[in-house]
């Protein structure tokens, strides 16, 4: 079966690749660098979000554990460390912030 278009005709129909100028190559390099910088900034933002989330969850866990330990103490032991039973939550916040700052 004979093709409708010969190879020579098909070659004439296809566009030839245009020679790339140095200016076009510079523009492509700038665009590639901008994309890399954008990707790096997005990655840093996502990593920062997850780090903050981890720190917040760690702080909550530490606070919860501190409250649990303080509630297990009797009133005499609490008074020895200067905490009233009603102020256990405040004391746990202070202790958790102190640990986080250290």
PDB file of N, CA and C in Angstrom:
ATOM      1  N   UNK A   1       0.839  -1.170   0.000  1.00  0.00           N
ATOM      2  CA  UNK A   1       0.000   0.000   0.000  1.00  0.00           C
ATOM      3  C   UNK A   1       0.891   1.242   0.000  1.00  0.00           C
ATOM      4  N   UNK A   2       0.552   2.162  -0.813  1.00  0.00           N
ATOM      5  CA  UNK A   2       1.348   3.370  -0.987  1.00  0.00           C
ATOM      6  C   UNK A   2       0.928   4.444   0.016  1.00  0.00           C
ATOM      7  N   UNK A   3       1.896   5.054   0.728  1.00  0.00           N
ATOM      8  CA  UNK A   3       1.512   6.112   1.654  1.00  0.00           C
ATOM      9  C   UNK A   3       1.004   7.330   0.895  1.00  0.00           C
ATOM     10  N   UNK A   4       0.117   8.050   1.498  1.00  0.00           N
ATOM     11  CA  UNK A   4      -0.454   9.227   0.834  1.00  0.00           C
ATOM     12  C   UNK A   4       0.558  10.365   0.753  1.00  0.00           C
ATOM     13  N   UNK A   5       1.419  10.453   1.762  1.00  0.00           N
ATOM     14  CA  UNK A   5       2.445  11.501   1.768  1.00  0.00           C
ATOM     15  C   UNK A   5       3.793  10.801   1.783  1.00  0.00           C
ATOM     16  N   UNK A   6       4.659  11.236   0.927  1.00  0.00           N
ATOM     17  CA  UNK A   6       5.992  10.647   0.895  1.00  0.00           C
ATOM     18  C   UNK A   6       6.827  11.208   2.041  1.00  0.00           C
ATOM     19  N   UNK A   7       7.933  10.579   2.293  1.00  0.00           N
ATOM     20  CA  UNK A   7       8.810  11.041   3.368  1.00  0.00           C
ATOM     21  C   UNK A   7       9.322  12.448   3.087  1.00  0.00           C
ATOM     22  N   UNK A   8       9.622  12.734   1.867  1.00  0.00           N
ATOM     23  CA  UNK A   8      10.116  14.065   1.507  1.00  0.00           C
ATOM     24  C   UNK A   8       9.044  15.119   1.763  1.00  0.00           C
ATOM     25  N   UNK A   9       7.800  14.802   1.435  1.00  0.00           N
ATOM     26  CA  UNK A   9       6.704  15.752   1.682  1.00  0.00           C
ATOM     27  C   UNK A   9       6.465  15.918   3.191  1.00  0.00           C
ATOM     28  N   UNK A  10       6.560  14.817   3.922  1.00  0.00           N
ATOM     29  CA  UNK A  10       6.373  14.898   5.369  1.00  0.00           C
ATOM     30  C   UNK A  10       7.466  15.748   5.997  1.00  0.00           C
ATOM     31  N   UNK A  11       8.698  15.629   5.515  1.00  0.00           N
ATOM     32  CA  UNK A  11       9.802  16.420   6.037  1.00  0.00           C
ATOM     33  C   UNK A  11       9.578  17.900   5.779  1.00  0.00           C
ATOM     34  N   UNK A  12       8.968  18.217   4.669  1.00  0.00           N
ATOM     35  CA  UNK A  12       8.697  19.627   4.360  1.00  0.00           C
ATOM     36  C   UNK A  12       7.566  20.171   5.228  1.00  0.00           C
ATOM     37  N   UNK A  13       6.654  19.309   5.663  1.00  0.00           N
ATOM     38  CA  UNK A  13       5.535  19.765   6.488  1.00  0.00           C
ATOM     39  C   UNK A  13       5.921  19.980   7.944  1.00  0.00           C
ATOM     40  N   UNK A  14       6.893  19.208   8.444  1.00  0.00           N
ATOM     41  CA  UNK A  14       7.298  19.340   9.829  1.00  0.00           C
ATOM     42  C   UNK A  14       8.147  20.584  10.013  1.00  0.00           C
ATOM     43  N   UNK A  15       7.894  21.329  11.075  1.00  0.00           N
ATOM     44  CA  UNK A  15       8.698  22.540  11.282  1.00  0.00           C
ATOM     45  C   UNK A  15      10.122  22.169  11.686  1.00  0.00           C
ATOM     46  N   UNK A  16      11.054  22.931  11.215  1.00  0.00           N
ATOM     47  CA  UNK A  16      12.452  22.721  11.578  1.00  0.00           C
ATOM     48  C   UNK A  16      12.705  23.329  12.953  1.00  0.00           C
ATOM     49  N   UNK A  17      13.537  22.691  13.737  1.00  0.00           N
ATOM     50  CA  UNK A  17      13.854  23.302  15.030  1.00  0.00           C
ATOM     51  C   UNK A  17      14.600  24.612  14.801  1.00  0.00           C
ATOM     52  N   UNK A  18      14.131  25.641  15.492  1.00  0.00           N
ATOM     53  CA  UNK A  18      14.755  26.945  15.353  1.00  0.00           C
ATOM     54  C   UNK A  18      16.059  26.973  16.128  1.00  0.00           C
ATOM     55  N   UNK A  19      17.056  27.606  15.579  1.00  0.00           N
ATOM     56  CA  UNK A  19      18.305  27.714  16.329  1.00  0.00           C
ATOM     57  C   UNK A  19      18.068  28.568  17.581  1.00  0.00           C
ATOM     58  N   UNK A  20      18.606  28.117  18.692  1.00  0.00           N
ATOM     59  CA  UNK A  20      18.400  28.833  19.955  1.00  0.00           C
ATOM     60  C   UNK A  20      19.461  29.907  20.099  1.00  0.00           C
ATOM     61  N   UNK A  21      18.998  31.093  20.352  1.00  0.00           N
ATOM     62  CA  UNK A  21      19.931  32.199  20.533  1.00  0.00           C
ATOM     63  C   UNK A  21      20.488  32.168  21.957  1.00  0.00           C
ATOM     64  N   UNK A  22      21.567  32.871  22.140  1.00  0.00           N
ATOM     65  CA  UNK A  22      22.153  32.933  23.485  1.00  0.00           C
ATOM     66  C   UNK A  22      21.201  33.642  24.449  1.00  0.00           C
ATOM     67  N   UNK A  23      20.439  34.578  23.929  1.00  0.00           N
ATOM     68  CA  UNK A  23      19.461  35.290  24.776  1.00  0.00           C
ATOM     69  C   UNK A  23      18.382  34.327  25.259  1.00  0.00           C
ATOM     70  N   UNK A  24      17.904  33.473  24.379  1.00  0.00           N
ATOM     71  CA  UNK A  24      16.884  32.488  24.761  1.00  0.00           C
ATOM     72  C   UNK A  24      17.453  31.509  25.786  1.00  0.00           C
ATOM     73  N   UNK A  25      18.694  31.139  25.625  1.00  0.00           N
ATOM     74  CA  UNK A  25      19.321  30.219  26.578  1.00  0.00           C
ATOM     75  C   UNK A  25      19.473  30.885  27.944  1.00  0.00           C
ATOM     76  N   UNK A  26      19.784  32.194  27.968  1.00  0.00           N
ATOM     77  CA  UNK A  26      19.879  32.921  29.229  1.00  0.00           C
ATOM     78  C   UNK A  26      18.519  32.989  29.922  1.00  0.00           C
ATOM     79  N   UNK A  27      17.478  33.254  29.147  1.00  0.00           N
ATOM     80  CA  UNK A  27      16.125  33.329  29.703  1.00  0.00           C
ATOM     81  C   UNK A  27      15.727  31.977  30.289  1.00  0.00           C
ATOM     82  N   UNK A  28      16.018  30.906  29.574  1.00  0.00           N
ATOM     83  CA  UNK A  28      15.694  29.570  30.078  1.00  0.00           C
ATOM     84  C   UNK A  28      16.464  29.267  31.359  1.00  0.00           C
ATOM     85  N   UNK A  29      17.707  29.718  31.455  1.00  0.00           N
ATOM     86  CA  UNK A  29      18.503  29.497  32.661  1.00  0.00           C
ATOM     87  C   UNK A  29      17.925  30.270  33.841  1.00  0.00           C
ATOM     88  N   UNK A  30      17.482  31.498  33.599  1.00  0.00           N
ATOM     89  CA  UNK A  30      16.880  32.306  34.661  1.00  0.00           C
ATOM     90  C   UNK A  30      15.583  31.659  35.132  1.00  0.00           C
ATOM     91  N   UNK A  31      14.780  31.182  34.200  1.00  0.00           N
ATOM     92  CA  UNK A  31      13.519  30.527  34.555  1.00  0.00           C
ATOM     93  C   UNK A  31      13.788  29.256  35.359  1.00  0.00           C
ATOM     94  N   UNK A  32      14.768  28.478  34.946  1.00  0.00           N
ATOM     95  CA  UNK A  32      15.107  27.248  35.680  1.00  0.00           C
ATOM     96  C   UNK A  32      15.582  27.576  37.094  1.00  0.00           C
ATOM     97  N   UNK A  33      16.398  28.624  37.242  1.00  0.00           N
ATOM     98  CA  UNK A  33      16.876  29.018  38.576  1.00  0.00           C
ATOM     99  C   UNK A  33      15.714  29.494  39.440  1.00  0.00           C
ATOM    100  N   UNK A  34      14.797  30.244  38.857  1.00  0.00           N
ATOM    101  CA  UNK A  34      13.629  30.723  39.611  1.00  0.00           C
ATOM    102  C   UNK A  34      12.770  29.549  40.074  1.00  0.00           C
ATOM    103  N   UNK A  35      12.609  28.554  39.226  1.00  0.00           N
ATOM    104  CA  UNK A  35      11.825  27.380  39.611  1.00  0.00           C
ATOM    105  C   UNK A  35      12.506  26.612  40.740  1.00  0.00           C
ATOM    106  N   UNK A  36      13.833  26.492  40.672  1.00  0.00           N
ATOM    107  CA  UNK A  36      14.560  25.811  41.750  1.00  0.00           C
ATOM    108  C   UNK A  36      14.404  26.564  43.067  1.00  0.00           C
ATOM    109  N   UNK A  37      14.529  27.896  43.012  1.00  0.00           N
ATOM    110  CA  UNK A  37      14.376  28.712  44.221  1.00  0.00           C
ATOM    111  C   UNK A  37      12.963  28.597  44.786  1.00  0.00           C
ATOM    112  N   UNK A  38      11.972  28.622  43.891  1.00  0.00           N
ATOM    113  CA  UNK A  38      10.578  28.482  44.328  1.00  0.00           C
ATOM    114  C   UNK A  38      10.368  27.131  45.005  1.00  0.00           C
ATOM    115  N   UNK A  39      10.875  26.072  44.385  1.00  0.00           N
ATOM    116  CA  UNK A  39      10.725  24.733  44.957  1.00  0.00           C
ATOM    117  C   UNK A  39      11.409  24.628  46.312  1.00  0.00           C
ATOM    118  N   UNK A  40      12.584  25.259  46.435  1.00  0.00           N
ATOM    119  CA  UNK A  40      13.309  25.234  47.709  1.00  0.00           C
ATOM    120  C   UNK A  40      12.521  25.990  48.781  1.00  0.00           C
ATOM    121  N   UNK A  41      11.915  27.119  48.414  1.00  0.00           N
ATOM    122  CA  UNK A  41      11.138  27.897  49.380  1.00  0.00           C
ATOM    123  C   UNK A  41       9.893  27.130  49.819  1.00  0.00           C
ATOM    124  N   UNK A  42       9.234  26.481  48.893  1.00  0.00           N
ATOM    125  CA  UNK A  42       8.055  25.692  49.243  1.00  0.00           C
ATOM    126  C   UNK A  42       8.446  24.540  50.161  1.00  0.00           C
ATOM    127  N   UNK A  43       9.541  23.867  49.837  1.00  0.00           N
ATOM    128  CA  UNK A  43      10.011  22.763  50.668  1.00  0.00           C
ATOM    129  C   UNK A  43      10.350  23.245  52.071  1.00  0.00           C
ATOM    130  N   UNK A  44      11.038  24.384  52.167  1.00  0.00           N
ATOM    131  CA  UNK A  44      11.398  24.930  53.481  1.00  0.00           C
ATOM    132  C   UNK A  44      10.142  25.287  54.274  1.00  0.00           C
ATOM    133  N   UNK A  45       9.139  25.839  53.617  1.00  0.00           N
ATOM    134  CA  UNK A  45       7.896  26.182  54.304  1.00  0.00           C
ATOM    135  C   UNK A  45       7.175  24.957  54.828  1.00  0.00           C
ATOM    136  N   UNK A  46       7.121  23.915  54.024  1.00  0.00           N
ATOM    137  CA  UNK A  46       6.452  22.682  54.449  1.00  0.00           C
ATOM    138  C   UNK A  46       7.205  22.041  55.605  1.00  0.00           C
ATOM    139  N   UNK A  47       8.536  21.984  55.499  1.00  0.00           N
ATOM    140  CA  UNK A  47       9.333  21.412  56.586  1.00  0.00           C
ATOM    141  C   UNK A  47       9.184  22.223  57.873  1.00  0.00           C
ATOM    142  N   UNK A  48       9.156  23.542  57.732  1.00  0.00           N
ATOM    143  CA  UNK A  48       8.964  24.396  58.901  1.00  0.00           C
ATOM    144  C   UNK A  48       7.619  24.165  59.561  1.00  0.00           C
ATOM    145  N   UNK A  49       6.585  23.976  58.753  1.00  0.00           N
ATOM    146  CA  UNK A  49       5.264  23.693  59.295  1.00  0.00           C
ATOM    147  C   UNK A  49       5.274  22.411  60.106  1.00  0.00           C
ATOM    148  N   UNK A  50       5.871  21.366  59.552  1.00  0.00           N
ATOM    149  CA  UNK A  50       5.873  20.093  60.257  1.00  0.00           C
ATOM    150  C   UNK A  50       6.774  20.125  61.498  1.00  0.00           C
ATOM    151  N   UNK A  51       7.855  20.889  61.455  1.00  0.00           N
ATOM    152  CA  UNK A  51       8.682  21.048  62.653  1.00  0.00           C
ATOM    153  C   UNK A  51       7.896  21.746  63.757  1.00  0.00           C
ATOM    154  N   UNK A  52       7.193  22.810  63.396  1.00  0.00           N
ATOM    155  CA  UNK A  52       6.377  23.526  64.379  1.00  0.00           C
ATOM    156  C   UNK A  52       5.283  22.629  64.941  1.00  0.00           C
ATOM    157  N   UNK A  53       4.670  21.853  64.080  1.00  0.00           N
ATOM    158  CA  UNK A  53       3.638  20.928  64.524  1.00  0.00           C
ATOM    159  C   UNK A  53       4.211  19.911  65.507  1.00  0.00           C
ATOM    160  N   UNK A  54       5.383  19.363  65.173  1.00  0.00           N
ATOM    161  CA  UNK A  54       6.021  18.390  66.064  1.00  0.00           C
ATOM    162  C   UNK A  54       6.354  19.024  67.407  1.00  0.00           C
ATOM    163  N   UNK A  55       6.894  20.244  67.392  1.00  0.00           N
ATOM    164  CA  UNK A  55       7.231  20.923  68.637  1.00  0.00           C
ATOM    165  C   UNK A  55       5.986  21.180  69.474  1.00  0.00           C
ATOM    166  N   UNK A  56       4.904  21.589  68.837  1.00  0.00           N
ATOM    167  CA  UNK A  56       3.659  21.836  69.560  1.00  0.00           C
ATOM    168  C   UNK A  56       3.094  20.571  70.174  1.00  0.00           C
ATOM    169  N   UNK A  57       3.110  19.489  69.413  1.00  0.00           N
ATOM    170  CA  UNK A  57       2.606  18.223  69.947  1.00  0.00           C
ATOM    171  C   UNK A  57       3.489  17.698  71.077  1.00  0.00           C
ATOM    172  N   UNK A  58       4.791  17.893  70.953  1.00  0.00           N
ATOM    173  CA  UNK A  58       5.707  17.488  72.019  1.00  0.00           C
ATOM    174  C   UNK A  58       5.438  18.301  73.282  1.00  0.00           C
ATOM    175  N   UNK A  59       5.194  19.595  73.115  1.00  0.00           N
ATOM    176  CA  UNK A  59       4.893  20.447  74.261  1.00  0.00           C
ATOM    177  C   UNK A  59       3.598  20.006  74.937  1.00  0.00           C
ATOM    178  N   UNK A  60       2.581  19.690  74.152  1.00  0.00           N
ATOM    179  CA  UNK A  60       1.321  19.213  74.726  1.00  0.00           C
ATOM    180  C   UNK A  60       1.507  17.896  75.475  1.00  0.00           C
ATOM    181  N   UNK A  61       2.267  16.985  74.898  1.00  0.00           N
ATOM    182  CA  UNK A  61       2.510  15.700  75.554  1.00  0.00           C
ATOM    183  C   UNK A  61       3.266  15.902  76.859  1.00  0.00           C
ATOM    184  N   UNK A  62       4.285  16.747  76.842  1.00  0.00           N
ATOM    185  CA  UNK A  62       5.064  17.028  78.042  1.00  0.00           C
ATOM    186  C   UNK A  62       4.184  17.645  79.120  1.00  0.00           C
ATOM    187  N   UNK A  63       3.337  18.583  78.734  1.00  0.00           N
ATOM    188  CA  UNK A  63       2.437  19.235  79.691  1.00  0.00           C
ATOM    189  C   UNK A  63       1.478  18.221  80.296  1.00  0.00           C
ATOM    190  N   UNK A  64       0.910  17.350  79.456  1.00  0.00           N
ATOM    191  CA  UNK A  64      -0.025  16.338  79.936  1.00  0.00           C
ATOM    192  C   UNK A  64       0.664  15.383  80.916  1.00  0.00           C
ATOM    193  N   UNK A  65       1.874  14.963  80.582  1.00  0.00           N
ATOM    194  CA  UNK A  65       2.622  14.062  81.474  1.00  0.00           C
ATOM    195  C   UNK A  65       2.953  14.754  82.794  1.00  0.00           C
ATOM    196  N   UNK A  66       3.302  16.036  82.737  1.00  0.00           N
ATOM    197  CA  UNK A  66       3.619  16.782  83.952  1.00  0.00           C
ATOM    198  C   UNK A  66       2.388  16.903  84.842  1.00  0.00           C
ATOM    199  N   UNK A  67       1.253  17.217  84.247  1.00  0.00           N
ATOM    200  CA  UNK A  67       0.010  17.314  85.019  1.00  0.00           C
ATOM    201  C   UNK A  67      -0.310  15.975  85.667  1.00  0.00           C
ATOM    202  N   UNK A  68      -0.154  14.896  84.937  1.00  0.00           N
ATOM    203  CA  UNK A  68      -0.437  13.570  85.480  1.00  0.00           C
ATOM    204  C   UNK A  68       0.481  13.252  86.667  1.00  0.00           C
ATOM    205  N   UNK A  69       1.754  13.566  86.532  1.00  0.00           N
ATOM    206  CA  UNK A  69       2.695  13.299  87.627  1.00  0.00           C
ATOM    207  C   UNK A  69       2.392  14.155  88.849  1.00  0.00           C
ATOM    208  N   UNK A  70       2.056  15.420  88.621  1.00  0.00           N
ATOM    209  CA  UNK A  70       1.752  16.296  89.748  1.00  0.00           C
ATOM    210  C   UNK A  70       0.456  15.869  90.441  1.00  0.00           C
ATOM    211  N   UNK A  71      -0.514  15.400  89.702  1.00  0.00           N
ATOM    212  CA  UNK A  71      -1.769  14.944  90.304  1.00  0.00           C
ATOM    213  C   UNK A  71      -1.571  13.689  91.146  1.00  0.00           C
ATOM    214  N   UNK A  72      -0.549  12.910  90.825  1.00  0.00           N
ATOM    215  CA  UNK A  72      -0.283  11.698  91.596  1.00  0.00           C
ATOM    216  C   UNK A  72       0.420  11.985  92.923  1.00  0.00           C
ATOM    217  N   UNK A  73       0.925  13.214  93.101  1.00  0.00           N
ATOM    218  CA  UNK A  73       1.570  13.579  94.364  1.00  0.00           C
ATOM    219  C   UNK A  73       0.510  13.919  95.406  1.00  0.00           C
ATOM    220  N   UNK A  74       0.858  13.716  96.678  1.00  0.00           N
ATOM    221  CA  UNK A  74      -0.090  14.126  97.720  1.00  0.00           C
ATOM    222  C   UNK A  74       0.133  15.607  98.033  1.00  0.00           C
ATOM    223  N   UNK A  75      -0.755  16.173  98.868  1.00  0.00           N
ATOM    224  CA  UNK A  75      -0.704  17.614  99.144  1.00  0.00           C
ATOM    225  C   UNK A  75       0.608  18.028  99.816  1.00  0.00           C
ATOM    226  N   UNK A  76       1.149  17.181 100.660  1.00  0.00           N
ATOM    227  CA  UNK A  76       2.404  17.509 101.334  1.00  0.00           C
ATOM    228  C   UNK A  76       3.544  17.622 100.318  1.00  0.00           C
ATOM    229  N   UNK A  77       3.620  16.668  99.397  1.00  0.00           N
ATOM    230  CA  UNK A  77       4.680  16.712  98.379  1.00  0.00           C
ATOM    231  C   UNK A  77       4.504  17.930  97.475  1.00  0.00           C
ATOM    232  N   UNK A  78       3.251  18.251  97.145  1.00  0.00           N
ATOM    233  CA  UNK A  78       3.010  19.446  96.327  1.00  0.00           C
ATOM    234  C   UNK A  78       3.446  20.714  97.056  1.00  0.00           C
ATOM    235  N   UNK A  79       3.147  20.800  98.356  1.00  0.00           N
ATOM    236  CA  UNK A  79       3.546  21.997  99.100  1.00  0.00           C
ATOM    237  C   UNK A  79       5.073  22.083  99.222  1.00  0.00           C
ATOM    238  N   UNK A  80       5.740  20.939  99.252  1.00  0.00           N
ATOM    239  CA  UNK A  80       7.209  20.944  99.304  1.00  0.00           C
ATOM    240  C   UNK A  80       7.809  21.586  98.055  1.00  0.00           C
ATOM    241  N   UNK A  81       7.180  21.405  96.912  1.00  0.00           N
ATOM    242  CA  UNK A  81       7.702  22.017  95.680  1.00  0.00           C
ATOM    243  C   UNK A  81       7.027  23.349  95.368  1.00  0.00           C
ATOM    244  N   UNK A  82       6.123  23.783  96.264  1.00  0.00           N
ATOM    245  CA  UNK A  82       5.515  25.105  96.124  1.00  0.00           C
ATOM    246  C   UNK A  82       4.371  25.170  95.142  1.00  0.00           C
ATOM    247  N   UNK A  83       3.620  24.079  95.029  1.00  0.00           N
ATOM    248  CA  UNK A  83       2.493  24.056  94.093  1.00  0.00           C
ATOM    249  C   UNK A  83       1.238  23.693  94.861  1.00  0.00           C
ATOM    250  N   UNK A  84       0.175  24.451  94.650  1.00  0.00           N
ATOM    251  CA  UNK A  84      -1.134  24.105  95.209  1.00  0.00           C
ATOM    252  C   UNK A  84      -1.850  23.196  94.220  1.00  0.00           C
ATOM    253  N   UNK A  85      -2.705  22.321  94.734  1.00  0.00           N
ATOM    254  CA  UNK A  85      -3.400  21.379  93.863  1.00  0.00           C
ATOM    255  C   UNK A  85      -4.214  22.110  92.791  1.00  0.00           C
ATOM    256  N   UNK A  86      -4.765  23.250  93.119  1.00  0.00           N
ATOM    257  CA  UNK A  86      -5.556  24.004  92.147  1.00  0.00           C
ATOM    258  C   UNK A  86      -4.709  24.676  91.071  1.00  0.00           C
ATOM    259  N   UNK A  87      -3.413  24.784  91.307  1.00  0.00           N
ATOM    260  CA  UNK A  87      -2.522  25.451  90.353  1.00  0.00           C
ATOM    261  C   UNK A  87      -1.658  24.473  89.567  1.00  0.00           C
ATOM    262  N   UNK A  88      -2.048  23.216  89.543  1.00  0.00           N
ATOM    263  CA  UNK A  88      -1.246  22.212  88.840  1.00  0.00           C
ATOM    264  C   UNK A  88      -1.131  22.546  87.353  1.00  0.00           C
ATOM    265  N   UNK A  89      -2.219  23.004  86.744  1.00  0.00           N
ATOM    266  CA  UNK A  89      -2.184  23.361  85.317  1.00  0.00           C
ATOM    267  C   UNK A  89      -1.205  24.485  85.023  1.00  0.00           C
ATOM    268  N   UNK A  90      -1.219  25.510  85.876  1.00  0.00           N
ATOM    269  CA  UNK A  90      -0.290  26.632  85.698  1.00  0.00           C
ATOM    270  C   UNK A  90       1.153  26.185  85.888  1.00  0.00           C
ATOM    271  N   UNK A  91       1.359  25.353  86.905  1.00  0.00           N
ATOM    272  CA  UNK A  91       2.719  24.855  87.159  1.00  0.00           C
ATOM    273  C   UNK A  91       3.198  24.001  85.985  1.00  0.00           C
ATOM    274  N   UNK A  92       2.298  23.203  85.422  1.00  0.00           N
ATOM    275  CA  UNK A  92       2.678  22.369  84.273  1.00  0.00           C
ATOM    276  C   UNK A  92       3.036  23.232  83.072  1.00  0.00           C
ATOM    277  N   UNK A  93       2.289  24.313  82.859  1.00  0.00           N
ATOM    278  CA  UNK A  93       2.624  25.236  81.760  1.00  0.00           C
ATOM    279  C   UNK A  93       4.013  25.826  81.951  1.00  0.00           C
ATOM    280  N   UNK A  94       4.286  26.280  83.186  1.00  0.00           N
ATOM    281  CA  UNK A  94       5.595  26.875  83.474  1.00  0.00           C
ATOM    282  C   UNK A  94       6.714  25.865  83.266  1.00  0.00           C
ATOM    283  N   UNK A  95       6.498  24.630  83.736  1.00  0.00           N
ATOM    284  CA  UNK A  95       7.526  23.598  83.589  1.00  0.00           C
ATOM    285  C   UNK A  95       7.739  23.228  82.126  1.00  0.00           C
ATOM    286  N   UNK A  96       6.663  23.141  81.361  1.00  0.00           N
ATOM    287  CA  UNK A  96       6.777  22.785  79.947  1.00  0.00           C
ATOM    288  C   UNK A  96       7.502  23.898  79.179  1.00  0.00           C
ATOM    289  N   UNK A  97       7.197  25.163  79.496  1.00  0.00           N
ATOM    290  CA  UNK A  97       7.877  26.276  78.830  1.00  0.00           C
ATOM    291  C   UNK A  97       9.352  26.309  79.199  1.00  0.00           C
ATOM    292  N   UNK A  98       9.654  25.995  80.470  1.00  0.00           N
ATOM    293  CA  UNK A  98      11.052  25.968  80.900  1.00  0.00           C
ATOM    294  C   UNK A  98      11.825  24.880  80.154  1.00  0.00           C
ATOM    295  N   UNK A  99      11.203  23.709  79.996  1.00  0.00           N
ATOM    296  CA  UNK A  99      11.861  22.622  79.260  1.00  0.00           C
ATOM    297  C   UNK A  99      12.054  22.985  77.792  1.00  0.00           C
ATOM    298  N   UNK A 100      11.068  23.641  77.205  1.00  0.00           N
ATOM    299  CA  UNK A 100      11.157  24.006  75.790  1.00  0.00           C
ATOM    300  C   UNK A 100      12.245  25.052  75.566  1.00  0.00           C
ATOM    301  N   UNK A 101      12.380  25.982  76.501  1.00  0.00           N
ATOM    302  CA  UNK A 101      13.393  27.031  76.360  1.00  0.00           C
ATOM    303  C   UNK A 101      14.804  26.481  76.560  1.00  0.00           C
ATOM    304  N   UNK A 102      14.933  25.404  77.298  1.00  0.00           N
ATOM    305  CA  UNK A 102      16.262  24.851  77.575  1.00  0.00           C
ATOM    306  C   UNK A 102      16.847  24.100  76.424  1.00  0.00           C
TER     307      UNK A 102
END
